[in-house]
Amino acid sequence: MRVYFDMAVGGKSIGRIDFRLYEDVPKTAENFRALCTGERGLGKTTKKPLHYKGSIFHRIIAGFMCQGGDFSNRNGTGGESIYGAKFADENFKHKHTKAGLLSMANAGPNTNGSQFFITLAPTPHLNGKHVVFGEVIDGMDVVRKMVAVDRGRNDKPVMDVTIADCGEISAKSTEEKRAKKKKKKDAKAKKHRDDDSDDRSSRSRERKPPSSRRSRDASESPKRHSKRSRSRSRSRSRRHRSSSPDEHHRRRSSSPRRDRRRRSSSDDRSSRR
């Protein structure tokens, strides 16, 4: 079961507190649920509506607890259960192990009525004395706003910390809230994925120009290589032609003619003598 309080300080709304009531303390949980809805009419002893709506948190101690539920006297001396004045302690299965737990206030063993408190820290010294029957599942920030209100005598807030409205949260409402929360979470995750995708695309586009230049360089490189190759080829061809057999033969054949002329000239000089 789930129930809620819409809280106000000095008549000004400060938000909602959602509670989950434990199934293994059914009598205590049902008492609290019915007091949230106000479905039981008037109390047998108080003659007041069995309803938390309009009641106040009359005692708040920072680091300990916030106490409320006295819908008749509003000071911690009144209140009434849906079963009559008081009812017995159901069980002590749950311990006061953390902040945000719902537990029954009492005046001793088996004196449970309508008053309750919300823990603000682990309170193990209350184990076995007060029945824990639920916990805050949403709205601890609202509880902290309540604690922030200045207090006077007997730890009573100087401004009324009021349960402006309260009631039961239906299973359908719970599912709708979960679906809405999931939808919001999925939309946020999708936006995050889309942003990541856009970032990757942007980085990819930024990297393209260098790769394009490398591509052009790569395509131009063979051309330059080809030009150098052709140049070397022509050079080798020229060297090859200059040392061809015909040219070499012509060079060799020119040498003997010069020798014959020298010998002829020498012979002429000899004959003159």
C-alpha atoms as a PDB file:
ATOM      1  CA  MET A   1       0.000   0.000   0.000  1.00  0.00           C
ATOM      2  CA  ARG A   2       1.071   3.554  -0.692  1.00  0.00           C
ATOM      3  CA  VAL A   3      -0.175   6.817   0.810  1.00  0.00           C
ATOM      4  CA  TYR A   4       0.858  10.459   0.644  1.00  0.00           C
ATOM      5  CA  PHE A   5       0.984  13.727   2.569  1.00  0.00           C
ATOM      6  CA  ASP A   6       0.860  17.103   0.822  1.00  0.00           C
ATOM      7  CA  MET A   7       2.775  19.331   3.220  1.00  0.00           C
ATOM      8  CA  ALA A   8       2.606  23.067   3.937  1.00  0.00           C
ATOM      9  CA  VAL A   9       4.561  25.394   6.212  1.00  0.00           C
ATOM     10  CA  GLY A  10       2.794  28.538   7.357  1.00  0.00           C
ATOM     11  CA  GLY A  11       0.083  27.851   4.788  1.00  0.00           C
ATOM     12  CA  LYS A  12       2.580  27.589   1.913  1.00  0.00           C
ATOM     13  CA  SER A  13       2.988  24.290   0.055  1.00  0.00           C
ATOM     14  CA  ILE A  14       6.423  22.650   0.332  1.00  0.00           C
ATOM     15  CA  GLY A  15       5.771  19.410  -1.560  1.00  0.00           C
ATOM     16  CA  ARG A  16       4.601  15.828  -1.220  1.00  0.00           C
ATOM     17  CA  ILE A  17       5.808  12.879   0.849  1.00  0.00           C
ATOM     18  CA  ASP A  18       5.038   9.376  -0.456  1.00  0.00           C
ATOM     19  CA  PHE A  19       5.001   6.435   1.964  1.00  0.00           C
ATOM     20  CA  ARG A  20       5.031   2.688   1.455  1.00  0.00           C
ATOM     21  CA  LEU A  21       3.264   0.685   4.161  1.00  0.00           C
ATOM     22  CA  TYR A  22       4.626  -2.751   5.065  1.00  0.00           C
ATOM     23  CA  GLU A  23       2.452  -5.806   4.487  1.00  0.00           C
ATOM     24  CA  ASP A  24       3.691  -7.766   7.508  1.00  0.00           C
ATOM     25  CA  VAL A  25       2.114  -5.276   9.956  1.00  0.00           C
ATOM     26  CA  PRO A  26      -1.377  -5.218   8.366  1.00  0.00           C
ATOM     27  CA  LYS A  27      -3.354  -3.872  11.337  1.00  0.00           C
ATOM     28  CA  THR A  28      -0.991  -0.966  11.946  1.00  0.00           C
ATOM     29  CA  ALA A  29      -0.687  -0.225   8.216  1.00  0.00           C
ATOM     30  CA  GLU A  30      -4.488  -0.251   7.769  1.00  0.00           C
ATOM     31  CA  ASN A  31      -4.922   2.176  10.672  1.00  0.00           C
ATOM     32  CA  PHE A  32      -2.533   4.643   9.030  1.00  0.00           C
ATOM     33  CA  ARG A  33      -4.019   4.166   5.537  1.00  0.00           C
ATOM     34  CA  ALA A  34      -7.601   4.801   6.734  1.00  0.00           C
ATOM     35  CA  LEU A  35      -6.508   7.881   8.686  1.00  0.00           C
ATOM     36  CA  CYS A  36      -4.960   9.182   5.436  1.00  0.00           C
ATOM     37  CA  THR A  37      -8.195   8.703   3.473  1.00  0.00           C
ATOM     38  CA  GLY A  38     -10.583   9.785   6.250  1.00  0.00           C
ATOM     39  CA  GLU A  39     -13.011   7.028   5.246  1.00  0.00           C
ATOM     40  CA  ARG A  40     -13.938   5.983   8.810  1.00  0.00           C
ATOM     41  CA  GLY A  41     -15.929   9.071   9.794  1.00  0.00           C
ATOM     42  CA  LEU A  42     -15.859  10.338  13.393  1.00  0.00           C
ATOM     43  CA  GLY A  43     -13.859   8.838  16.235  1.00  0.00           C
ATOM     44  CA  LYS A  44     -15.692   7.107  19.084  1.00  0.00           C
ATOM     45  CA  THR A  45     -13.818   8.909  21.851  1.00  0.00           C
ATOM     46  CA  THR A  46     -12.660  12.166  20.276  1.00  0.00           C
ATOM     47  CA  LYS A  47     -15.789  12.766  18.210  1.00  0.00           C
ATOM     48  CA  LYS A  48     -13.438  14.254  15.616  1.00  0.00           C
ATOM     49  CA  PRO A  49     -12.980  13.119  12.005  1.00  0.00           C
ATOM     50  CA  LEU A  50     -10.577  10.183  11.853  1.00  0.00           C
ATOM     51  CA  HIS A  51      -8.455  12.003   9.325  1.00  0.00           C
ATOM     52  CA  TYR A  52      -4.913  13.367   9.234  1.00  0.00           C
ATOM     53  CA  LYS A  53      -5.895  16.165   6.852  1.00  0.00           C
ATOM     54  CA  GLY A  54      -5.431  19.537   8.551  1.00  0.00           C
ATOM     55  CA  SER A  55      -3.424  18.111  11.460  1.00  0.00           C
ATOM     56  CA  ILE A  56       0.100  19.272  12.267  1.00  0.00           C
ATOM     57  CA  PHE A  57       3.531  17.934  13.171  1.00  0.00           C
ATOM     58  CA  HIS A  58       3.606  19.196  16.738  1.00  0.00           C
ATOM     59  CA  ARG A  59       7.140  18.035  17.592  1.00  0.00           C
ATOM     60  CA  ILE A  60      10.256  18.088  15.433  1.00  0.00           C
ATOM     61  CA  ILE A  61      13.728  17.260  16.774  1.00  0.00           C
ATOM     62  CA  ALA A  62      16.573  17.625  14.259  1.00  0.00           C
ATOM     63  CA  GLY A  63      18.635  14.451  13.943  1.00  0.00           C
ATOM     64  CA  PHE A  64      15.939  12.396  15.679  1.00  0.00           C
ATOM     65  CA  MET A  65      12.344  12.502  14.412  1.00  0.00           C
ATOM     66  CA  CYS A  66       9.235  14.442  13.276  1.00  0.00           C
ATOM     67  CA  GLN A  67       6.077  13.559  15.254  1.00  0.00           C
ATOM     68  CA  GLY A  68       2.462  14.136  14.203  1.00  0.00           C
ATOM     69  CA  GLY A  69      -0.956  12.504  14.044  1.00  0.00           C
ATOM     70  CA  ASP A  70      -2.749  14.216  16.928  1.00  0.00           C
ATOM     71  CA  PHE A  71      -5.773  15.354  14.919  1.00  0.00           C
ATOM     72  CA  SER A  72      -7.866  16.165  18.016  1.00  0.00           C
ATOM     73  CA  ASN A  73      -5.657  18.239  20.369  1.00  0.00           C
ATOM     74  CA  ARG A  74      -2.746  19.065  18.029  1.00  0.00           C
ATOM     75  CA  ASN A  75      -0.223  18.941  20.887  1.00  0.00           C
ATOM     76  CA  GLY A  76       0.601  15.262  21.412  1.00  0.00           C
ATOM     77  CA  THR A  77      -2.042  14.530  24.045  1.00  0.00           C
ATOM     78  CA  GLY A  78      -4.851  13.415  21.745  1.00  0.00           C
ATOM     79  CA  GLY A  79      -5.670  11.301  18.733  1.00  0.00           C
ATOM     80  CA  GLU A  80      -7.466   7.986  18.250  1.00  0.00           C
ATOM     81  CA  SER A  81      -7.107   4.831  16.186  1.00  0.00           C
ATOM     82  CA  ILE A  82      -9.728   3.524  13.762  1.00  0.00           C
ATOM     83  CA  TYR A  83     -10.217   0.578  16.157  1.00  0.00           C
ATOM     84  CA  GLY A  84     -11.188   2.727  19.142  1.00  0.00           C
ATOM     85  CA  ALA A  85      -8.980   4.608  21.560  1.00  0.00           C
ATOM     86  CA  LYS A  86      -5.857   2.391  21.558  1.00  0.00           C
ATOM     87  CA  PHE A  87      -4.647  -0.902  20.072  1.00  0.00           C
ATOM     88  CA  ALA A  88      -1.863  -3.360  20.890  1.00  0.00           C
ATOM     89  CA  ASP A  89       1.658  -3.490  19.480  1.00  0.00           C
ATOM     90  CA  GLU A  90       1.427  -5.723  16.409  1.00  0.00           C
ATOM     91  CA  ASN A  91       5.047  -6.880  16.124  1.00  0.00           C
ATOM     92  CA  PHE A  92       8.608  -5.559  16.163  1.00  0.00           C
ATOM     93  CA  LYS A  93       9.893  -7.250  13.008  1.00  0.00           C
ATOM     94  CA  HIS A  94      11.225  -4.029  11.542  1.00  0.00           C
ATOM     95  CA  LYS A  95      13.971  -2.082  13.265  1.00  0.00           C
ATOM     96  CA  HIS A  96      14.763   1.622  13.386  1.00  0.00           C
ATOM     97  CA  THR A  97      17.785   1.310  11.100  1.00  0.00           C
ATOM     98  CA  LYS A  98      17.678   4.470   8.969  1.00  0.00           C
ATOM     99  CA  ALA A  99      16.113   7.845   8.276  1.00  0.00           C
ATOM    100  CA  GLY A 100      12.673   7.981   6.659  1.00  0.00           C
ATOM    101  CA  LEU A 101      10.985   5.167   8.599  1.00  0.00           C
ATOM    102  CA  LEU A 102       7.373   5.404   9.793  1.00  0.00           C
ATOM    103  CA  SER A 103       6.865   4.246  13.373  1.00  0.00           C
ATOM    104  CA  MET A 104       4.035   4.449  15.919  1.00  0.00           C
ATOM    105  CA  ALA A 105       4.292   6.919  18.791  1.00  0.00           C
ATOM    106  CA  ASN A 106       2.916   5.648  22.093  1.00  0.00           C
ATOM    107  CA  ALA A 107       2.715   6.223  25.825  1.00  0.00           C
ATOM    108  CA  GLY A 108       4.015   2.745  26.649  1.00  0.00           C
ATOM    109  CA  PRO A 109       3.323  -0.850  25.584  1.00  0.00           C
ATOM    110  CA  ASN A 110       0.092  -1.455  23.644  1.00  0.00           C
ATOM    111  CA  THR A 111      -1.006   2.189  23.566  1.00  0.00           C
ATOM    112  CA  ASN A 112      -1.050   2.834  19.813  1.00  0.00           C
ATOM    113  CA  GLY A 113      -3.534   5.429  18.563  1.00  0.00           C
ATOM    114  CA  SER A 114      -3.081   7.773  15.616  1.00  0.00           C
ATOM    115  CA  GLN A 115       0.223   9.444  16.493  1.00  0.00           C
ATOM    116  CA  PHE A 116       3.328   8.454  14.524  1.00  0.00           C
ATOM    117  CA  PHE A 117       6.804   9.738  13.746  1.00  0.00           C
ATOM    118  CA  ILE A 118       9.245   9.823  10.824  1.00  0.00           C
ATOM    119  CA  THR A 119      12.835   8.986  11.766  1.00  0.00           C
ATOM    120  CA  LEU A 120      15.611  11.386  10.763  1.00  0.00           C
ATOM    121  CA  ALA A 121      18.427   8.949  11.599  1.00  0.00           C
ATOM    122  CA  PRO A 122      18.904   5.382  12.845  1.00  0.00           C
ATOM    123  CA  THR A 123      17.328   5.135  16.319  1.00  0.00           C
ATOM    124  CA  PRO A 124      18.158   1.645  17.615  1.00  0.00           C
ATOM    125  CA  HIS A 125      17.175   2.536  21.210  1.00  0.00           C
ATOM    126  CA  LEU A 126      13.533   2.509  20.010  1.00  0.00           C
ATOM    127  CA  ASN A 127      13.679  -1.091  18.761  1.00  0.00           C
ATOM    128  CA  GLY A 128      11.204  -3.343  20.576  1.00  0.00           C
ATOM    129  CA  LYS A 129       9.298  -0.342  21.917  1.00  0.00           C
ATOM    130  CA  HIS A 130       7.739   1.251  18.823  1.00  0.00           C
ATOM    131  CA  VAL A 131       6.212  -0.552  15.823  1.00  0.00           C
ATOM    132  CA  VAL A 132       7.841   0.308  12.476  1.00  0.00           C
ATOM    133  CA  PHE A 133       5.194  -0.045   9.757  1.00  0.00           C
ATOM    134  CA  GLY A 134       6.396   1.845   6.656  1.00  0.00           C
ATOM    135  CA  GLU A 135       8.894   4.207   5.099  1.00  0.00           C
ATOM    136  CA  VAL A 136       9.275   7.304   2.947  1.00  0.00           C
ATOM    137  CA  ILE A 137       9.863   6.321  -0.672  1.00  0.00           C
ATOM    138  CA  ASP A 138       9.778   9.825  -2.119  1.00  0.00           C
ATOM    139  CA  GLY A 139       9.934  13.254  -0.519  1.00  0.00           C
ATOM    140  CA  MET A 140      12.760  13.211   2.019  1.00  0.00           C
ATOM    141  CA  ASP A 141      13.630  16.655   0.669  1.00  0.00           C
ATOM    142  CA  VAL A 142      10.205  17.770   1.945  1.00  0.00           C
ATOM    143  CA  VAL A 143      10.952  16.231   5.334  1.00  0.00           C
ATOM    144  CA  ARG A 144      14.185  18.227   5.453  1.00  0.00           C
ATOM    145  CA  LYS A 145      12.203  21.419   4.745  1.00  0.00           C
ATOM    146  CA  MET A 146      10.029  20.573   7.740  1.00  0.00           C
ATOM    147  CA  VAL A 147      13.110  20.131   9.921  1.00  0.00           C
ATOM    148  CA  ALA A 148      14.443  23.519   8.774  1.00  0.00           C
ATOM    149  CA  VAL A 149      11.503  25.371  10.394  1.00  0.00           C
ATOM    150  CA  ASP A 150      12.423  27.193  13.610  1.00  0.00           C
ATOM    151  CA  ARG A 151      11.102  25.656  16.825  1.00  0.00           C
ATOM    152  CA  GLY A 152      10.001  26.971  20.185  1.00  0.00           C
ATOM    153  CA  ARG A 153       9.007  25.304  23.467  1.00  0.00           C
ATOM    154  CA  ASN A 154       8.722  21.511  23.537  1.00  0.00           C
ATOM    155  CA  ASP A 155      10.294  21.367  20.055  1.00  0.00           C
ATOM    156  CA  LYS A 156       7.108  22.696  18.476  1.00  0.00           C
ATOM    157  CA  PRO A 157       7.646  24.543  15.153  1.00  0.00           C
ATOM    158  CA  VAL A 158       6.966  28.292  15.391  1.00  0.00           C
ATOM    159  CA  MET A 159       4.986  28.017  12.133  1.00  0.00           C
ATOM    160  CA  ASP A 160       2.416  25.293  11.570  1.00  0.00           C
ATOM    161  CA  VAL A 161       3.837  22.332   9.652  1.00  0.00           C
ATOM    162  CA  THR A 162       0.522  21.071   8.295  1.00  0.00           C
ATOM    163  CA  ILE A 163      -0.713  17.988   6.441  1.00  0.00           C
ATOM    164  CA  ALA A 164      -2.655  20.066   3.903  1.00  0.00           C
ATOM    165  CA  ASP A 165      -3.985  16.963   2.165  1.00  0.00           C
ATOM    166  CA  CYS A 166      -3.458  13.217   2.311  1.00  0.00           C
ATOM    167  CA  GLY A 167      -4.779  10.017   0.810  1.00  0.00           C
ATOM    168  CA  GLU A 168      -4.054   6.659  -0.754  1.00  0.00           C
ATOM    169  CA  ILE A 169      -2.131   6.256  -3.979  1.00  0.00           C
ATOM    170  CA  SER A 170      -3.932   3.753  -6.190  1.00  0.00           C
ATOM    171  CA  ALA A 171      -2.085   0.983  -7.982  1.00  0.00           C
ATOM    172  CA  LYS A 172      -3.124   2.562 -11.286  1.00  0.00           C
ATOM    173  CA  SER A 173      -1.725   5.917 -10.234  1.00  0.00           C
ATOM    174  CA  THR A 174       1.488   4.224  -9.132  1.00  0.00           C
ATOM    175  CA  GLU A 175       1.840   2.452 -12.482  1.00  0.00           C
ATOM    176  CA  GLU A 176       1.147   5.669 -14.363  1.00  0.00           C
ATOM    177  CA  LYS A 177       3.784   7.460 -12.321  1.00  0.00           C
ATOM    178  CA  ARG A 178       6.293   4.671 -12.940  1.00  0.00           C
ATOM    179  CA  ALA A 179       5.489   4.698 -16.666  1.00  0.00           C
ATOM    180  CA  LYS A 180       5.902   8.468 -16.792  1.00  0.00           C
ATOM    181  CA  LYS A 181       9.192   8.252 -14.931  1.00  0.00           C
ATOM    182  CA  LYS A 182      10.410   5.452 -17.243  1.00  0.00           C
ATOM    183  CA  LYS A 183       9.357   7.425 -20.323  1.00  0.00           C
ATOM    184  CA  LYS A 184      11.251  10.454 -19.083  1.00  0.00           C
ATOM    185  CA  LYS A 185      14.301   8.305 -18.339  1.00  0.00           C
ATOM    186  CA  ASP A 186      14.139   6.646 -21.787  1.00  0.00           C
ATOM    187  CA  ALA A 187      13.795  10.047 -23.490  1.00  0.00           C
ATOM    188  CA  LYS A 188      16.830  11.302 -21.596  1.00  0.00           C
ATOM    189  CA  ALA A 189      18.820   8.191 -22.561  1.00  0.00           C
ATOM    190  CA  LYS A 190      17.778   8.570 -26.221  1.00  0.00           C
ATOM    191  CA  LYS A 191      18.821  12.232 -26.216  1.00  0.00           C
ATOM    192  CA  HIS A 192      22.167  11.210 -24.747  1.00  0.00           C
ATOM    193  CA  ARG A 193      22.626   8.565 -27.476  1.00  0.00           C
ATOM    194  CA  ASP A 194      21.636  11.062 -30.187  1.00  0.00           C
ATOM    195  CA  ASP A 195      24.084  13.618 -28.812  1.00  0.00           C
ATOM    196  CA  ASP A 196      26.838  10.992 -28.822  1.00  0.00           C
ATOM    197  CA  SER A 197      25.947  10.061 -32.409  1.00  0.00           C
ATOM    198  CA  ASP A 198      26.049  13.722 -33.473  1.00  0.00           C
ATOM    199  CA  ASP A 199      29.424  14.145 -31.781  1.00  0.00           C
ATOM    200  CA  ARG A 200      30.816  11.104 -33.599  1.00  0.00           C
ATOM    201  CA  SER A 201      29.464  12.363 -36.934  1.00  0.00           C
ATOM    202  CA  SER A 202      30.952  15.791 -36.289  1.00  0.00           C
ATOM    203  CA  ARG A 203      34.337  14.313 -35.434  1.00  0.00           C
ATOM    204  CA  SER A 204      34.152  12.132 -38.541  1.00  0.00           C
ATOM    205  CA  ARG A 205      33.461  15.162 -40.746  1.00  0.00           C
ATOM    206  CA  GLU A 206      36.332  17.040 -39.141  1.00  0.00           C
ATOM    207  CA  ARG A 207      38.698  14.178 -39.928  1.00  0.00           C
ATOM    208  CA  LYS A 208      37.653  13.900 -43.596  1.00  0.00           C
ATOM    209  CA  PRO A 209      39.716  16.836 -45.084  1.00  0.00           C
ATOM    210  CA  PRO A 210      43.088  15.415 -43.940  1.00  0.00           C
ATOM    211  CA  SER A 211      42.204  11.980 -45.276  1.00  0.00           C
ATOM    212  CA  SER A 212      41.078  13.630 -48.514  1.00  0.00           C
ATOM    213  CA  ARG A 213      44.433  15.368 -48.805  1.00  0.00           C
ATOM    214  CA  ARG A 214      46.203  12.110 -48.114  1.00  0.00           C
ATOM    215  CA  SER A 215      44.089  10.534 -50.811  1.00  0.00           C
ATOM    216  CA  ARG A 216      45.050  13.247 -53.300  1.00  0.00           C
ATOM    217  CA  ASP A 217      48.685  12.957 -52.283  1.00  0.00           C
ATOM    218  CA  ALA A 218      48.484   9.233 -52.762  1.00  0.00           C
ATOM    219  CA  SER A 219      46.903   9.653 -56.206  1.00  0.00           C
ATOM    220  CA  GLU A 220      49.508  12.226 -57.226  1.00  0.00           C
ATOM    221  CA  SER A 221      52.444  10.255 -55.930  1.00  0.00           C
ATOM    222  CA  PRO A 222      52.418   7.612 -58.701  1.00  0.00           C
ATOM    223  CA  LYS A 223      52.324  10.390 -61.289  1.00  0.00           C
ATOM    224  CA  ARG A 224      55.422  12.018 -59.856  1.00  0.00           C
ATOM    225  CA  HIS A 225      56.997   8.622 -59.565  1.00  0.00           C
ATOM    226  CA  SER A 226      56.059   7.923 -63.180  1.00  0.00           C
ATOM    227  CA  LYS A 227      57.631  11.193 -64.320  1.00  0.00           C
ATOM    228  CA  ARG A 228      60.831  10.419 -62.455  1.00  0.00           C
ATOM    229  CA  SER A 229      60.824   6.921 -63.914  1.00  0.00           C
ATOM    230  CA  ARG A 230      60.434   8.258 -67.454  1.00  0.00           C
ATOM    231  CA  SER A 231      63.214  10.769 -66.837  1.00  0.00           C
ATOM    232  CA  ARG A 232      65.551   8.052 -65.587  1.00  0.00           C
ATOM    233  CA  SER A 233      64.575   5.895 -68.541  1.00  0.00           C
ATOM    234  CA  ARG A 234      65.419   8.634 -71.043  1.00  0.00           C
ATOM    235  CA  SER A 235      68.720   9.255 -69.284  1.00  0.00           C
ATOM    236  CA  ARG A 236      69.597   5.581 -69.412  1.00  0.00           C
ATOM    237  CA  SER A 237      68.554   5.523 -73.073  1.00  0.00           C
ATOM    238  CA  ARG A 238      70.874   8.414 -73.906  1.00  0.00           C
ATOM    239  CA  ARG A 239      73.724   6.739 -72.087  1.00  0.00           C
ATOM    240  CA  HIS A 240      72.912   3.563 -73.860  1.00  0.00           C
ATOM    241  CA  ARG A 241      72.942   5.234 -77.282  1.00  0.00           C
ATOM    242  CA  SER A 242      76.248   7.091 -76.716  1.00  0.00           C
ATOM    243  CA  SER A 243      77.962   3.839 -75.940  1.00  0.00           C
ATOM    244  CA  SER A 244      76.392   1.935 -78.840  1.00  0.00           C
ATOM    245  CA  PRO A 245      78.642  -0.416 -80.932  1.00  0.00           C
ATOM    246  CA  ASP A 246      78.393   1.804 -84.077  1.00  0.00           C
ATOM    247  CA  GLU A 247      79.548   4.886 -82.279  1.00  0.00           C
ATOM    248  CA  HIS A 248      82.315   2.961 -80.607  1.00  0.00           C
ATOM    249  CA  HIS A 249      83.365   1.620 -83.999  1.00  0.00           C
ATOM    250  CA  ARG A 250      83.408   5.090 -85.503  1.00  0.00           C
ATOM    251  CA  ARG A 251      85.616   6.325 -82.715  1.00  0.00           C
ATOM    252  CA  ARG A 252      88.025   3.476 -83.186  1.00  0.00           C
ATOM    253  CA  SER A 253      88.106   3.861 -86.970  1.00  0.00           C
ATOM    254  CA  SER A 254      89.059   7.538 -86.747  1.00  0.00           C
ATOM    255  CA  SER A 255      92.220   6.781 -84.798  1.00  0.00           C
ATOM    256  CA  PRO A 256      94.009   4.758 -87.514  1.00  0.00           C
ATOM    257  CA  ARG A 257      93.491   7.502 -90.165  1.00  0.00           C
ATOM    258  CA  ARG A 258      95.270  10.017 -87.995  1.00  0.00           C
ATOM    259  CA  ASP A 259      98.085   7.480 -87.542  1.00  0.00           C
ATOM    260  CA  ARG A 260      98.377   6.952 -91.315  1.00  0.00           C
ATOM    261  CA  ARG A 261      98.669  10.682 -91.879  1.00  0.00           C
ATOM    262  CA  ARG A 262     101.435  10.880 -89.300  1.00  0.00           C
ATOM    263  CA  ARG A 263     103.310   8.023 -90.957  1.00  0.00           C
ATOM    264  CA  SER A 264     102.865   9.552 -94.413  1.00  0.00           C
ATOM    265  CA  SER A 265     104.259  12.859 -93.250  1.00  0.00           C
ATOM    266  CA  SER A 266     107.236  11.132 -91.716  1.00  0.00           C
ATOM    267  CA  ASP A 267     107.949   9.233 -94.928  1.00  0.00           C
ATOM    268  CA  ASP A 268     107.922  12.443 -96.967  1.00  0.00           C
ATOM    269  CA  ARG A 269     110.485  14.025 -94.705  1.00  0.00           C
ATOM    270  CA  SER A 270     112.683  10.972 -95.002  1.00  0.00           C
ATOM    271  CA  SER A 271     112.605  10.980 -98.798  1.00  0.00           C
ATOM    272  CA  ARG A 272     113.642  14.600 -98.934  1.00  0.00           C
ATOM    273  CA  ARG A 273     116.711  13.813 -97.019  1.00  0.00           C
END
